[in-house]
Amino acid sequence: MALTNATSTRASSVNCDTLPDNSSAKALVAIDFNGFQLAAPTLDGFIDQLPDLAIFHANTNNFSGTISPKISNLPYFYELDISNSRIFGVFPQALLGNSLTGCLPWEIGLLKNATVFYVSFNQLIGPIPQSFQCLFNIGLLNLARNQFYGEVPEAVCKLPNLYNFSLSYNCFTQVCPICRK
Protein backbone atom coordinates (compact mmCIF):
# COMPACT_ATOMS: atom_id res chain seq x y z
CA MET A 1 0.00 0.00 0.00
CA ALA A 2 1.38 3.41 -0.92
CA LEU A 3 0.65 6.31 1.42
CA THR A 4 1.08 9.87 0.21
CA ASN A 5 1.22 12.95 2.41
CA ALA A 6 0.16 16.33 1.08
CA THR A 7 1.53 18.96 3.46
CA SER A 8 1.63 17.82 7.06
CA THR A 9 4.34 18.95 9.44
CA ARG A 10 3.01 16.98 12.42
CA ALA A 11 5.13 14.21 13.87
CA SER A 12 3.64 10.78 13.54
CA SER A 13 3.68 8.39 16.41
CA VAL A 14 4.72 4.78 15.97
CA ASN A 15 5.09 2.91 19.25
CA CYS A 16 6.77 -0.35 20.10
CA ASP A 17 6.25 -2.25 23.32
CA THR A 18 6.56 -5.73 24.75
CA LEU A 19 3.80 -8.19 23.99
CA PRO A 20 1.57 -9.29 26.89
CA ASP A 21 2.34 -12.98 26.35
CA ASN A 22 6.10 -12.58 25.85
CA SER A 23 7.97 -10.19 28.16
CA SER A 24 11.11 -10.03 26.01
CA ALA A 25 9.69 -9.55 22.51
CA LYS A 26 9.16 -5.98 21.25
CA ALA A 27 6.59 -5.29 18.56
CA LEU A 28 4.84 -2.45 16.75
CA VAL A 29 1.72 -1.94 18.89
CA ALA A 30 0.39 1.55 18.11
CA ILE A 31 0.25 3.93 15.16
CA ASP A 32 -0.99 7.54 15.20
CA PHE A 33 -1.37 9.21 11.80
CA ASN A 34 -4.13 11.63 12.91
CA GLY A 35 -4.52 14.69 10.70
CA PHE A 36 -1.79 13.95 8.16
CA GLN A 37 -3.99 14.16 5.07
CA LEU A 38 -2.59 10.79 3.98
CA ALA A 39 -4.18 9.19 0.95
CA ALA A 40 -4.54 5.53 0.08
CA PRO A 41 -7.13 3.65 -1.99
CA THR A 42 -7.54 1.12 0.82
CA LEU A 43 -6.25 0.16 4.26
CA ASP A 44 -6.75 -3.49 3.37
CA GLY A 45 -3.36 -5.19 3.40
CA PHE A 46 -1.92 -2.65 5.82
CA ILE A 47 -3.60 -2.83 9.23
CA ASP A 48 -4.28 -6.56 8.96
CA GLN A 49 -0.61 -7.24 8.15
CA LEU A 50 0.57 -5.85 11.51
CA PRO A 51 -0.01 -8.90 13.72
CA ASP A 52 0.79 -7.24 17.06
CA LEU A 53 -1.06 -3.98 16.47
CA ALA A 54 -3.32 -2.84 19.32
CA ILE A 55 -4.09 0.78 18.36
CA PHE A 56 -4.49 2.43 14.95
CA HIS A 57 -5.41 6.12 14.89
CA ALA A 58 -5.63 7.73 11.46
CA ASN A 59 -8.48 10.20 11.59
CA THR A 60 -8.75 13.16 9.23
CA ASN A 61 -7.01 11.53 6.30
CA ASN A 62 -8.06 10.62 2.76
CA PHE A 63 -8.30 6.86 3.12
CA SER A 64 -11.02 5.14 1.14
CA GLY A 65 -12.24 1.61 0.58
CA THR A 66 -13.62 -0.74 3.20
CA ILE A 67 -12.36 -2.17 6.48
CA SER A 68 -11.12 -5.70 6.00
CA PRO A 69 -12.70 -8.41 8.18
CA LYS A 70 -9.13 -9.70 8.58
CA ILE A 71 -8.57 -7.17 11.38
CA SER A 72 -10.60 -9.46 13.62
CA ASN A 73 -7.66 -11.89 13.48
CA LEU A 74 -5.35 -9.41 15.23
CA PRO A 75 -5.13 -10.77 18.80
CA TYR A 76 -4.30 -7.46 20.56
CA PHE A 77 -6.28 -5.03 18.39
CA TYR A 78 -8.77 -2.97 20.38
CA GLU A 79 -8.79 0.64 19.16
CA LEU A 80 -9.49 1.96 15.66
CA ASP A 81 -10.06 5.62 14.74
CA ILE A 82 -10.50 6.32 11.05
CA SER A 83 -13.08 9.06 11.44
CA ASN A 84 -13.23 11.90 8.93
CA SER A 85 -12.10 9.73 6.05
CA ARG A 86 -13.74 8.25 2.97
CA ILE A 87 -14.03 4.69 4.31
CA PHE A 88 -17.31 3.09 3.27
CA GLY A 89 -19.17 -0.19 3.49
CA VAL A 90 -20.18 -2.49 6.30
CA PHE A 91 -18.03 -2.69 9.41
CA PRO A 92 -16.74 -6.26 9.82
CA GLN A 93 -19.18 -8.35 11.87
CA ALA A 94 -16.30 -10.16 13.62
CA LEU A 95 -15.67 -7.08 15.75
CA LEU A 96 -19.05 -7.66 17.45
CA GLY A 97 -19.38 -9.64 20.72
CA ASN A 98 -15.78 -9.12 21.78
CA SER A 99 -16.32 -9.25 25.55
CA LEU A 100 -15.92 -5.48 25.88
CA THR A 101 -16.14 -4.35 29.51
CA GLY A 102 -16.63 -1.09 31.37
CA CYS A 103 -18.97 1.84 30.88
CA LEU A 104 -19.79 3.59 27.63
CA PRO A 105 -17.84 6.89 27.53
CA TRP A 106 -19.86 10.09 27.20
CA GLU A 107 -17.69 11.06 24.20
CA ILE A 108 -19.67 8.61 22.04
CA GLY A 109 -22.36 11.30 21.99
CA LEU A 110 -19.94 13.50 20.03
CA LEU A 111 -20.12 11.15 17.02
CA LYS A 112 -22.54 13.44 15.19
CA ASN A 113 -22.29 11.58 11.87
CA ALA A 114 -22.65 8.08 13.31
CA THR A 115 -25.56 6.12 11.84
CA VAL A 116 -24.98 2.74 13.54
CA PHE A 117 -23.83 1.95 17.06
CA TYR A 118 -23.87 -1.79 17.77
CA VAL A 119 -22.34 -3.18 20.97
CA SER A 120 -24.56 -6.15 21.77
CA PHE A 121 -23.24 -9.39 23.26
CA ASN A 122 -20.57 -7.75 25.41
CA GLN A 123 -20.11 -7.17 29.13
CA LEU A 124 -20.66 -3.42 29.20
CA ILE A 125 -22.13 -1.88 32.37
CA GLY A 126 -23.56 1.38 33.64
CA PRO A 127 -26.22 3.78 32.43
CA ILE A 128 -26.67 5.01 28.87
CA PRO A 129 -24.78 8.33 28.77
CA GLN A 130 -27.03 11.40 28.45
CA SER A 131 -24.79 12.52 25.57
CA PHE A 132 -26.39 9.81 23.40
CA GLN A 133 -29.26 12.28 22.87
CA CYS A 134 -26.84 14.15 20.55
CA LEU A 135 -26.57 11.22 18.11
CA PHE A 136 -29.00 12.89 15.70
CA ASN A 137 -28.03 10.73 12.70
CA ILE A 138 -28.12 7.38 14.49
CA GLY A 139 -30.52 4.94 12.87
CA LEU A 140 -29.58 1.66 14.54
CA LEU A 141 -28.64 1.64 18.23
CA ASN A 142 -28.14 -1.84 19.64
CA LEU A 143 -27.21 -2.12 23.33
CA ALA A 144 -28.76 -5.56 23.87
CA ARG A 145 -27.24 -8.36 25.95
CA ASN A 146 -24.99 -6.34 28.22
CA GLN A 147 -25.31 -5.26 31.85
CA PHE A 148 -26.61 -1.71 31.42
CA TYR A 149 -28.79 -0.31 34.20
CA GLY A 150 -30.61 2.84 35.28
CA GLU A 151 -33.08 4.88 33.25
CA VAL A 152 -33.22 4.83 29.49
CA PRO A 153 -33.05 8.53 28.53
CA GLU A 154 -36.32 9.52 26.84
CA ALA A 155 -34.43 11.95 24.58
CA VAL A 156 -32.52 9.00 23.08
CA CYS A 157 -35.78 7.31 22.14
CA LYS A 158 -36.91 10.52 20.39
CA LEU A 159 -33.86 10.78 18.09
CA PRO A 160 -35.18 11.78 14.66
CA ASN A 161 -33.53 9.03 12.58
CA LEU A 162 -33.70 6.18 15.09
CA TYR A 163 -35.56 3.25 13.52
CA ASN A 164 -34.08 0.30 15.47
CA PHE A 165 -33.26 0.57 19.19
CA SER A 166 -32.48 -2.70 20.99
CA LEU A 167 -32.30 -2.74 24.78
CA SER A 168 -33.17 -6.35 25.63
CA TYR A 169 -31.33 -8.45 28.19
CA ASN A 170 -30.06 -5.61 30.37
CA CYS A 171 -30.97 -4.39 33.85
CA PHE A 172 -32.71 -1.08 33.16
CA THR A 173 -34.81 0.21 36.05
CA GLN A 174 -37.01 2.52 33.99
CA VAL A 175 -38.03 2.57 30.33
CA CYS A 176 -40.44 5.35 29.36
CA PRO A 177 -43.47 4.66 27.16
CA ILE A 178 -41.85 6.21 24.07
CA CYS A 179 -38.91 3.81 24.40
CA ARG A 180 -41.21 0.81 24.81
CA LYS A 181 -42.50 1.34 21.27
C-alpha atoms as a PDB file:
ATOM      1  CA  MET A   1       0.000   0.000   0.000  1.00  0.00           C
ATOM      2  CA  ALA A   2       1.378   3.407  -0.920  1.00  0.00           C
ATOM      3  CA  LEU A   3       0.649   6.306   1.417  1.00  0.00           C
ATOM      4  CA  THR A   4       1.078   9.872   0.208  1.00  0.00           C
ATOM      5  CA  ASN A   5       1.216  12.947   2.410  1.00  0.00           C
ATOM      6  CA  ALA A   6       0.157  16.330   1.078  1.00  0.00           C
ATOM      7  CA  THR A   7       1.532  18.956   3.456  1.00  0.00           C
ATOM      8  CA  SER A   8       1.632  17.825   7.063  1.00  0.00           C
ATOM      9  CA  THR A   9       4.341  18.947   9.443  1.00  0.00           C
ATOM     10  CA  ARG A  10       3.010  16.976  12.421  1.00  0.00           C
ATOM     11  CA  ALA A  11       5.126  14.213  13.870  1.00  0.00           C
ATOM     12  CA  SER A  12       3.639  10.779  13.544  1.00  0.00           C
ATOM     13  CA  SER A  13       3.682   8.392  16.405  1.00  0.00           C
ATOM     14  CA  VAL A  14       4.722   4.783  15.974  1.00  0.00           C
ATOM     15  CA  ASN A  15       5.091   2.907  19.253  1.00  0.00           C
ATOM     16  CA  CYS A  16       6.769  -0.346  20.095  1.00  0.00           C
ATOM     17  CA  ASP A  17       6.255  -2.246  23.324  1.00  0.00           C
ATOM     18  CA  THR A  18       6.555  -5.725  24.754  1.00  0.00           C
ATOM     19  CA  LEU A  19       3.802  -8.187  23.995  1.00  0.00           C
ATOM     20  CA  PRO A  20       1.573  -9.293  26.891  1.00  0.00           C
ATOM     21  CA  ASP A  21       2.337 -12.977  26.350  1.00  0.00           C
ATOM     22  CA  ASN A  22       6.100 -12.582  25.853  1.00  0.00           C
ATOM     23  CA  SER A  23       7.968 -10.193  28.159  1.00  0.00           C
ATOM     24  CA  SER A  24      11.112 -10.030  26.014  1.00  0.00           C
ATOM     25  CA  ALA A  25       9.687  -9.547  22.508  1.00  0.00           C
ATOM     26  CA  LYS A  26       9.159  -5.981  21.250  1.00  0.00           C
ATOM     27  CA  ALA A  27       6.595  -5.288  18.564  1.00  0.00           C
ATOM     28  CA  LEU A  28       4.839  -2.445  16.755  1.00  0.00           C
ATOM     29  CA  VAL A  29       1.716  -1.938  18.889  1.00  0.00           C
ATOM     30  CA  ALA A  30       0.385   1.551  18.114  1.00  0.00           C
ATOM     31  CA  ILE A  31       0.252   3.932  15.157  1.00  0.00           C
ATOM     32  CA  ASP A  32      -0.994   7.538  15.205  1.00  0.00           C
ATOM     33  CA  PHE A  33      -1.374   9.208  11.800  1.00  0.00           C
ATOM     34  CA  ASN A  34      -4.126  11.631  12.909  1.00  0.00           C
ATOM     35  CA  GLY A  35      -4.517  14.691  10.698  1.00  0.00           C
ATOM     36  CA  PHE A  36      -1.787  13.953   8.161  1.00  0.00           C
ATOM     37  CA  GLN A  37      -3.992  14.161   5.070  1.00  0.00           C
ATOM     38  CA  LEU A  38      -2.586  10.793   3.984  1.00  0.00           C
ATOM     39  CA  ALA A  39      -4.181   9.191   0.951  1.00  0.00           C
ATOM     40  CA  ALA A  40      -4.541   5.526   0.078  1.00  0.00           C
ATOM     41  CA  PRO A  41      -7.127   3.651  -1.994  1.00  0.00           C
ATOM     42  CA  THR A  42      -7.544   1.116   0.821  1.00  0.00           C
ATOM     43  CA  LEU A  43      -6.254   0.159   4.260  1.00  0.00           C
ATOM     44  CA  ASP A  44      -6.751  -3.494   3.367  1.00  0.00           C
ATOM     45  CA  GLY A  45      -3.364  -5.193   3.399  1.00  0.00           C
ATOM     46  CA  PHE A  46      -1.916  -2.653   5.815  1.00  0.00           C
ATOM     47  CA  ILE A  47      -3.599  -2.831   9.226  1.00  0.00           C
ATOM     48  CA  ASP A  48      -4.284  -6.564   8.958  1.00  0.00           C
ATOM     49  CA  GLN A  49      -0.610  -7.237   8.153  1.00  0.00           C
ATOM     50  CA  LEU A  50       0.571  -5.852  11.505  1.00  0.00           C
ATOM     51  CA  PRO A  51      -0.008  -8.905  13.718  1.00  0.00           C
ATOM     52  CA  ASP A  52       0.794  -7.243  17.060  1.00  0.00           C
ATOM     53  CA  LEU A  53      -1.063  -3.981  16.469  1.00  0.00           C
ATOM     54  CA  ALA A  54      -3.320  -2.844  19.319  1.00  0.00           C
ATOM     55  CA  ILE A  55      -4.086   0.778  18.362  1.00  0.00           C
ATOM     56  CA  PHE A  56      -4.493   2.429  14.946  1.00  0.00           C
ATOM     57  CA  HIS A  57      -5.409   6.124  14.887  1.00  0.00           C
ATOM     58  CA  ALA A  58      -5.629   7.727  11.461  1.00  0.00           C
ATOM     59  CA  ASN A  59      -8.483  10.196  11.594  1.00  0.00           C
ATOM     60  CA  THR A  60      -8.754  13.163   9.229  1.00  0.00           C
ATOM     61  CA  ASN A  61      -7.010  11.531   6.295  1.00  0.00           C
ATOM     62  CA  ASN A  62      -8.058  10.623   2.764  1.00  0.00           C
ATOM     63  CA  PHE A  63      -8.302   6.862   3.125  1.00  0.00           C
ATOM     64  CA  SER A  64     -11.024   5.145   1.135  1.00  0.00           C
ATOM     65  CA  GLY A  65     -12.240   1.614   0.575  1.00  0.00           C
ATOM     66  CA  THR A  66     -13.621  -0.736   3.204  1.00  0.00           C
ATOM     67  CA  ILE A  67     -12.359  -2.172   6.484  1.00  0.00           C
ATOM     68  CA  SER A  68     -11.119  -5.704   5.997  1.00  0.00           C
ATOM     69  CA  PRO A  69     -12.695  -8.407   8.184  1.00  0.00           C
ATOM     70  CA  LYS A  70      -9.131  -9.703   8.575  1.00  0.00           C
ATOM     71  CA  ILE A  71      -8.569  -7.172  11.376  1.00  0.00           C
ATOM     72  CA  SER A  72     -10.595  -9.465  13.622  1.00  0.00           C
ATOM     73  CA  ASN A  73      -7.661 -11.891  13.482  1.00  0.00           C
ATOM     74  CA  LEU A  74      -5.353  -9.412  15.226  1.00  0.00           C
ATOM     75  CA  PRO A  75      -5.131 -10.768  18.796  1.00  0.00           C
ATOM     76  CA  TYR A  76      -4.300  -7.464  20.565  1.00  0.00           C
ATOM     77  CA  PHE A  77      -6.276  -5.034  18.395  1.00  0.00           C
ATOM     78  CA  TYR A  78      -8.771  -2.974  20.384  1.00  0.00           C
ATOM     79  CA  GLU A  79      -8.794   0.636  19.162  1.00  0.00           C
ATOM     80  CA  LEU A  80      -9.491   1.955  15.656  1.00  0.00           C
ATOM     81  CA  ASP A  81     -10.056   5.616  14.745  1.00  0.00           C
ATOM     82  CA  ILE A  82     -10.503   6.316  11.049  1.00  0.00           C
ATOM     83  CA  SER A  83     -13.083   9.062  11.442  1.00  0.00           C
ATOM     84  CA  ASN A  84     -13.226  11.900   8.931  1.00  0.00           C
ATOM     85  CA  SER A  85     -12.098   9.727   6.047  1.00  0.00           C
ATOM     86  CA  ARG A  86     -13.737   8.245   2.968  1.00  0.00           C
ATOM     87  CA  ILE A  87     -14.033   4.695   4.305  1.00  0.00           C
ATOM     88  CA  PHE A  88     -17.314   3.088   3.270  1.00  0.00           C
ATOM     89  CA  GLY A  89     -19.168  -0.193   3.486  1.00  0.00           C
ATOM     90  CA  VAL A  90     -20.178  -2.489   6.304  1.00  0.00           C
ATOM     91  CA  PHE A  91     -18.026  -2.689   9.410  1.00  0.00           C
ATOM     92  CA  PRO A  92     -16.737  -6.261   9.822  1.00  0.00           C
ATOM     93  CA  GLN A  93     -19.184  -8.345  11.873  1.00  0.00           C
ATOM     94  CA  ALA A  94     -16.301 -10.159  13.623  1.00  0.00           C
ATOM     95  CA  LEU A  95     -15.669  -7.078  15.751  1.00  0.00           C
ATOM     96  CA  LEU A  96     -19.051  -7.660  17.445  1.00  0.00           C
ATOM     97  CA  GLY A  97     -19.382  -9.637  20.716  1.00  0.00           C
ATOM     98  CA  ASN A  98     -15.777  -9.121  21.775  1.00  0.00           C
ATOM     99  CA  SER A  99     -16.318  -9.255  25.555  1.00  0.00           C
ATOM    100  CA  LEU A 100     -15.922  -5.479  25.879  1.00  0.00           C
ATOM    101  CA  THR A 101     -16.137  -4.349  29.506  1.00  0.00           C
ATOM    102  CA  GLY A 102     -16.630  -1.087  31.371  1.00  0.00           C
ATOM    103  CA  CYS A 103     -18.966   1.836  30.879  1.00  0.00           C
ATOM    104  CA  LEU A 104     -19.791   3.594  27.628  1.00  0.00           C
ATOM    105  CA  PRO A 105     -17.836   6.891  27.528  1.00  0.00           C
ATOM    106  CA  TRP A 106     -19.863  10.095  27.200  1.00  0.00           C
ATOM    107  CA  GLU A 107     -17.688  11.061  24.199  1.00  0.00           C
ATOM    108  CA  ILE A 108     -19.667   8.614  22.041  1.00  0.00           C
ATOM    109  CA  GLY A 109     -22.362  11.303  21.988  1.00  0.00           C
ATOM    110  CA  LEU A 110     -19.945  13.501  20.029  1.00  0.00           C
ATOM    111  CA  LEU A 111     -20.124  11.149  17.020  1.00  0.00           C
ATOM    112  CA  LYS A 112     -22.535  13.437  15.188  1.00  0.00           C
ATOM    113  CA  ASN A 113     -22.292  11.582  11.868  1.00  0.00           C
ATOM    114  CA  ALA A 114     -22.655   8.077  13.311  1.00  0.00           C
ATOM    115  CA  THR A 115     -25.559   6.125  11.843  1.00  0.00           C
ATOM    116  CA  VAL A 116     -24.982   2.738  13.538  1.00  0.00           C
ATOM    117  CA  PHE A 117     -23.828   1.949  17.065  1.00  0.00           C
ATOM    118  CA  TYR A 118     -23.870  -1.786  17.767  1.00  0.00           C
ATOM    119  CA  VAL A 119     -22.345  -3.176  20.974  1.00  0.00           C
ATOM    120  CA  SER A 120     -24.559  -6.149  21.770  1.00  0.00           C
ATOM    121  CA  PHE A 121     -23.244  -9.391  23.261  1.00  0.00           C
ATOM    122  CA  ASN A 122     -20.568  -7.754  25.409  1.00  0.00           C
ATOM    123  CA  GLN A 123     -20.107  -7.168  29.126  1.00  0.00           C
ATOM    124  CA  LEU A 124     -20.663  -3.415  29.204  1.00  0.00           C
ATOM    125  CA  ILE A 125     -22.128  -1.883  32.368  1.00  0.00           C
ATOM    126  CA  GLY A 126     -23.561   1.385  33.642  1.00  0.00           C
ATOM    127  CA  PRO A 127     -26.218   3.779  32.431  1.00  0.00           C
ATOM    128  CA  ILE A 128     -26.672   5.014  28.871  1.00  0.00           C
ATOM    129  CA  PRO A 129     -24.778   8.328  28.771  1.00  0.00           C
ATOM    130  CA  GLN A 130     -27.026  11.404  28.454  1.00  0.00           C
ATOM    131  CA  SER A 131     -24.792  12.516  25.573  1.00  0.00           C
ATOM    132  CA  PHE A 132     -26.393   9.814  23.403  1.00  0.00           C
ATOM    133  CA  GLN A 133     -29.262  12.279  22.874  1.00  0.00           C
ATOM    134  CA  CYS A 134     -26.843  14.147  20.554  1.00  0.00           C
ATOM    135  CA  LEU A 135     -26.566  11.221  18.109  1.00  0.00           C
ATOM    136  CA  PHE A 136     -29.004  12.891  15.695  1.00  0.00           C
ATOM    137  CA  ASN A 137     -28.029  10.729  12.697  1.00  0.00           C
ATOM    138  CA  ILE A 138     -28.125   7.385  14.495  1.00  0.00           C
ATOM    139  CA  GLY A 139     -30.521   4.941  12.869  1.00  0.00           C
ATOM    140  CA  LEU A 140     -29.582   1.665  14.535  1.00  0.00           C
ATOM    141  CA  LEU A 141     -28.645   1.642  18.226  1.00  0.00           C
ATOM    142  CA  ASN A 142     -28.136  -1.840  19.641  1.00  0.00           C
ATOM    143  CA  LEU A 143     -27.207  -2.118  23.329  1.00  0.00           C
ATOM    144  CA  ALA A 144     -28.762  -5.556  23.867  1.00  0.00           C
ATOM    145  CA  ARG A 145     -27.245  -8.363  25.954  1.00  0.00           C
ATOM    146  CA  ASN A 146     -24.991  -6.335  28.225  1.00  0.00           C
ATOM    147  CA  GLN A 147     -25.306  -5.260  31.848  1.00  0.00           C
ATOM    148  CA  PHE A 148     -26.614  -1.709  31.423  1.00  0.00           C
ATOM    149  CA  TYR A 149     -28.790  -0.314  34.201  1.00  0.00           C
ATOM    150  CA  GLY A 150     -30.613   2.838  35.284  1.00  0.00           C
ATOM    151  CA  GLU A 151     -33.077   4.877  33.252  1.00  0.00           C
ATOM    152  CA  VAL A 152     -33.215   4.826  29.490  1.00  0.00           C
ATOM    153  CA  PRO A 153     -33.052   8.532  28.525  1.00  0.00           C
ATOM    154  CA  GLU A 154     -36.324   9.519  26.835  1.00  0.00           C
ATOM    155  CA  ALA A 155     -34.427  11.947  24.580  1.00  0.00           C
ATOM    156  CA  VAL A 156     -32.518   9.005  23.078  1.00  0.00           C
ATOM    157  CA  CYS A 157     -35.779   7.307  22.135  1.00  0.00           C
ATOM    158  CA  LYS A 158     -36.907  10.521  20.392  1.00  0.00           C
ATOM    159  CA  LEU A 159     -33.862  10.776  18.089  1.00  0.00           C
ATOM    160  CA  PRO A 160     -35.185  11.779  14.657  1.00  0.00           C
ATOM    161  CA  ASN A 161     -33.525   9.029  12.575  1.00  0.00           C
ATOM    162  CA  LEU A 162     -33.703   6.181  15.086  1.00  0.00           C
ATOM    163  CA  TYR A 163     -35.556   3.253  13.523  1.00  0.00           C
ATOM    164  CA  ASN A 164     -34.080   0.304  15.474  1.00  0.00           C
ATOM    165  CA  PHE A 165     -33.257   0.571  19.194  1.00  0.00           C
ATOM    166  CA  SER A 166     -32.476  -2.702  20.990  1.00  0.00           C
ATOM    167  CA  LEU A 167     -32.301  -2.742  24.785  1.00  0.00           C
ATOM    168  CA  SER A 168     -33.175  -6.346  25.633  1.00  0.00           C
ATOM    169  CA  TYR A 169     -31.329  -8.453  28.192  1.00  0.00           C
ATOM    170  CA  ASN A 170     -30.057  -5.609  30.365  1.00  0.00           C
ATOM    171  CA  CYS A 171     -30.966  -4.387  33.851  1.00  0.00           C
ATOM    172  CA  PHE A 172     -32.710  -1.080  33.159  1.00  0.00           C
ATOM    173  CA  THR A 173     -34.811   0.205  36.053  1.00  0.00           C
ATOM    174  CA  GLN A 174     -37.008   2.522  33.989  1.00  0.00           C
ATOM    175  CA  VAL A 175     -38.027   2.568  30.334  1.00  0.00           C
ATOM    176  CA  CYS A 176     -40.435   5.353  29.364  1.00  0.00           C
ATOM    177  CA  PRO A 177     -43.473   4.663  27.157  1.00  0.00           C
ATOM    178  CA  ILE A 178     -41.853   6.211  24.071  1.00  0.00           C
ATOM    179  CA  CYS A 179     -38.915   3.808  24.403  1.00  0.00           C
ATOM    180  CA  ARG A 180     -41.210   0.812  24.813  1.00  0.00           C
ATOM    181  CA  LYS A 181     -42.504   1.344  21.266  1.00  0.00           C
END
